[in-house]
């Protein structure tokens, strides 16, 4: 069901995808879909959570010693580029659906960044500060850089957006 929902949300967007279409694609009844997820919104939240967990796993190395600003920014751009339709559909739907989904969109990734920052602070690799706020700012910075690059209409400027985001992150984290 999640795979079918993910594919249909990516292809058609949240608003143009019905629970009936998802149920047919997943070869289940709509009743089964509602039993498991409660609503289309509940199913969307699960797809969003799955995407964010994959995003955090792809962009943040397990070993904090391997964490670098450039590595994080490049991996985030690469992950979004590898999933453009889904990234766009989820970002658009989260914005339209309001605060809970918008907050969830960042919470999964922000929590992962926060945990890695706390380890890096203990090691003295980054300056001491409020790890949660720093993580929220990093997420917002990378997300905004990616969105700005796409909005610019200049795919050839990708590297410049990455470099500027990296510089901003390095300034924020310098011990």
Protein backbone atom coordinates (compact mmCIF):
# COMPACT_ATOMS: atom_id res chain seq x y z
CA UNK A 1 0.00 0.00 0.00
CA UNK A 2 2.81 2.39 0.87
CA UNK A 3 4.64 1.69 -2.38
CA UNK A 4 1.49 2.29 -4.41
CA UNK A 5 0.69 5.48 -2.49
CA UNK A 6 4.27 6.73 -2.87
CA UNK A 7 4.21 6.14 -6.64
CA UNK A 8 0.79 7.74 -7.13
CA UNK A 9 1.57 10.76 -4.93
CA UNK A 10 4.78 11.27 -6.91
CA UNK A 11 3.03 10.87 -10.25
CA UNK A 12 -0.21 12.79 -9.58
CA UNK A 13 0.32 14.76 -6.39
CA UNK A 14 -1.61 14.47 -3.16
CA UNK A 15 -4.77 16.29 -4.23
CA UNK A 16 -5.20 14.40 -7.51
CA UNK A 17 -4.64 10.97 -5.95
CA UNK A 18 -7.66 9.23 -4.47
CA UNK A 19 -7.75 6.45 -1.92
CA UNK A 20 -9.62 4.37 -4.49
CA UNK A 21 -6.73 4.75 -6.96
CA UNK A 22 -4.24 3.73 -4.26
CA UNK A 23 -6.34 0.72 -3.25
CA UNK A 24 -6.63 -0.45 -6.87
CA UNK A 25 -2.89 -0.04 -7.45
CA UNK A 26 -2.11 -1.92 -4.21
CA UNK A 27 -4.69 -4.59 -5.04
CA UNK A 28 -6.52 -4.16 -1.74
CA UNK A 29 -9.93 -2.83 -0.80
CA UNK A 30 -10.35 0.76 0.27
CA UNK A 31 -11.58 -0.62 3.59
CA UNK A 32 -8.20 -2.28 4.19
CA UNK A 33 -6.45 0.96 3.37
CA UNK A 34 -8.64 2.89 5.84
CA UNK A 35 -8.21 0.15 8.46
CA UNK A 36 -4.42 0.51 8.34
CA UNK A 37 -4.07 4.27 7.86
CA UNK A 38 -7.39 5.81 8.92
CA UNK A 39 -7.52 8.24 6.02
CA UNK A 40 -5.72 9.47 2.94
CA UNK A 41 -3.98 11.98 5.20
CA UNK A 42 -2.83 9.17 7.51
CA UNK A 43 -1.44 7.28 4.53
CA UNK A 44 0.27 10.45 3.30
CA UNK A 45 1.88 10.91 6.73
CA UNK A 46 3.29 7.36 6.56
CA UNK A 47 4.69 7.95 3.06
CA UNK A 48 6.20 11.23 4.22
CA UNK A 49 7.76 9.60 7.29
CA UNK A 50 9.22 6.80 5.14
CA UNK A 51 10.70 9.35 2.70
CA UNK A 52 12.23 11.40 5.51
CA UNK A 53 13.80 8.38 7.18
CA UNK A 54 15.33 7.42 3.84
CA UNK A 55 16.51 11.00 3.36
CA UNK A 56 18.16 11.12 6.79
CA UNK A 57 19.81 7.75 6.19
CA UNK A 58 21.11 8.86 2.79
CA UNK A 59 22.45 12.22 3.92
CA UNK A 60 23.81 11.59 7.40
CA UNK A 61 26.57 9.03 7.95
CA UNK A 62 26.18 6.73 10.96
CA UNK A 63 29.66 7.60 12.16
CA UNK A 64 29.81 11.27 13.26
CA UNK A 65 33.53 11.27 12.42
CA UNK A 66 32.53 10.98 8.74
CA UNK A 67 30.14 13.92 8.99
CA UNK A 68 31.08 16.95 6.92
CA UNK A 69 29.08 19.98 5.90
CA UNK A 70 29.88 19.41 2.25
CA UNK A 71 28.99 15.73 2.44
CA UNK A 72 25.62 16.49 4.02
CA UNK A 73 24.68 19.21 1.53
CA UNK A 74 25.74 17.17 -1.51
CA UNK A 75 23.98 14.06 -0.25
CA UNK A 76 20.79 16.05 0.42
CA UNK A 77 20.83 17.56 -3.08
CA UNK A 78 21.58 14.13 -4.59
CA UNK A 79 18.77 12.42 -2.64
CA UNK A 80 16.23 15.07 -3.67
CA UNK A 81 17.44 14.86 -7.28
CA UNK A 82 17.08 11.07 -7.23
CA UNK A 83 13.46 11.44 -6.08
CA UNK A 84 12.32 14.66 -7.76
CA UNK A 85 8.64 13.91 -8.27
CA UNK A 86 8.17 12.51 -4.78
CA UNK A 87 10.20 15.32 -3.16
CA UNK A 88 8.09 17.91 -4.95
CA UNK A 89 4.77 16.17 -4.26
CA UNK A 90 5.53 15.68 -0.57
CA UNK A 91 6.82 19.22 -0.07
CA UNK A 92 3.77 20.65 -1.84
CA UNK A 93 1.27 18.49 0.04
CA UNK A 94 2.92 19.09 3.43
CA UNK A 95 2.67 22.84 2.84
CA UNK A 96 -0.99 22.64 1.81
CA UNK A 97 -1.98 20.30 4.62
CA UNK A 98 -0.58 22.55 7.28
CA UNK A 99 1.52 22.50 10.41
CA UNK A 100 1.50 18.84 11.56
CA UNK A 101 2.85 17.56 8.25
CA UNK A 102 5.13 20.54 7.77
CA UNK A 103 6.59 19.99 11.22
CA UNK A 104 6.86 16.25 10.67
CA UNK A 105 8.65 16.94 7.41
CA UNK A 106 11.49 18.42 9.39
CA UNK A 107 11.30 16.56 12.71
CA UNK A 108 12.60 13.22 11.47
CA UNK A 109 15.62 14.75 9.77
CA UNK A 110 16.20 17.41 12.44
CA UNK A 111 16.27 14.75 15.17
CA UNK A 112 18.90 12.79 13.24
CA UNK A 113 21.02 15.93 12.72
CA UNK A 114 20.62 16.89 16.38
CA UNK A 115 21.89 13.51 17.59
CA UNK A 116 24.97 13.77 15.38
CA UNK A 117 25.63 17.36 16.45
CA UNK A 118 25.52 16.38 20.12
CA UNK A 119 28.21 13.74 19.51
CA UNK A 120 30.30 16.21 17.50
CA UNK A 121 29.99 18.81 20.29
CA UNK A 122 31.19 16.33 22.89
CA UNK A 123 34.21 15.58 20.68
CA UNK A 124 34.88 19.30 20.19
CA UNK A 125 34.44 19.00 16.42
CA UNK A 126 31.75 21.71 16.35
CA UNK A 127 31.10 24.65 18.63
CA UNK A 128 28.92 24.21 21.67
CA UNK A 129 25.36 25.43 21.32
CA UNK A 130 21.75 24.35 21.29
CA UNK A 131 21.94 21.24 19.12
CA UNK A 132 18.21 21.27 18.37
CA UNK A 133 18.21 24.84 17.11
CA UNK A 134 21.40 24.28 15.13
CA UNK A 135 19.85 21.17 13.56
CA UNK A 136 16.66 23.05 12.67
CA UNK A 137 18.72 25.80 11.05
CA UNK A 138 20.81 23.31 9.09
CA UNK A 139 17.72 21.55 7.79
CA UNK A 140 16.12 24.85 6.81
CA UNK A 141 19.31 26.05 5.13
CA UNK A 142 19.82 22.95 2.99
CA UNK A 143 16.11 22.70 2.12
CA UNK A 144 15.99 26.39 1.18
CA UNK A 145 19.19 26.13 -0.87
CA UNK A 146 17.75 23.21 -2.83
CA UNK A 147 14.42 24.97 -3.38
CA UNK A 148 16.16 28.21 -4.40
CA UNK A 149 18.36 26.37 -6.87
CA UNK A 150 15.31 24.76 -8.48
CA UNK A 151 13.38 28.03 -8.50
CA UNK A 152 16.32 29.82 -10.16
CA UNK A 153 15.75 27.92 -13.39
CA UNK A 154 19.51 27.48 -13.80
CA UNK A 155 20.49 23.85 -13.36
CA UNK A 156 24.07 24.80 -14.20
CA UNK A 157 24.25 26.78 -10.92
CA UNK A 158 23.78 23.71 -8.72
CA UNK A 159 27.40 23.75 -7.57
CA UNK A 160 27.20 27.41 -6.56
CA UNK A 161 24.15 26.75 -4.37
CA UNK A 162 25.88 23.78 -2.76
CA UNK A 163 29.05 25.80 -2.09
CA UNK A 164 27.12 28.68 -0.50
CA UNK A 165 25.10 26.31 1.70
CA UNK A 166 28.33 24.58 2.78
CA UNK A 167 29.96 27.93 3.64
CA UNK A 168 26.95 28.92 5.74
CA UNK A 169 26.96 25.60 7.59
CA UNK A 170 30.70 25.77 8.22
CA UNK A 171 30.34 29.26 9.69
CA UNK A 172 27.54 28.08 11.97
CA UNK A 173 29.44 25.05 13.25
CA UNK A 174 33.02 26.30 13.50
CA UNK A 175 34.46 25.40 16.93
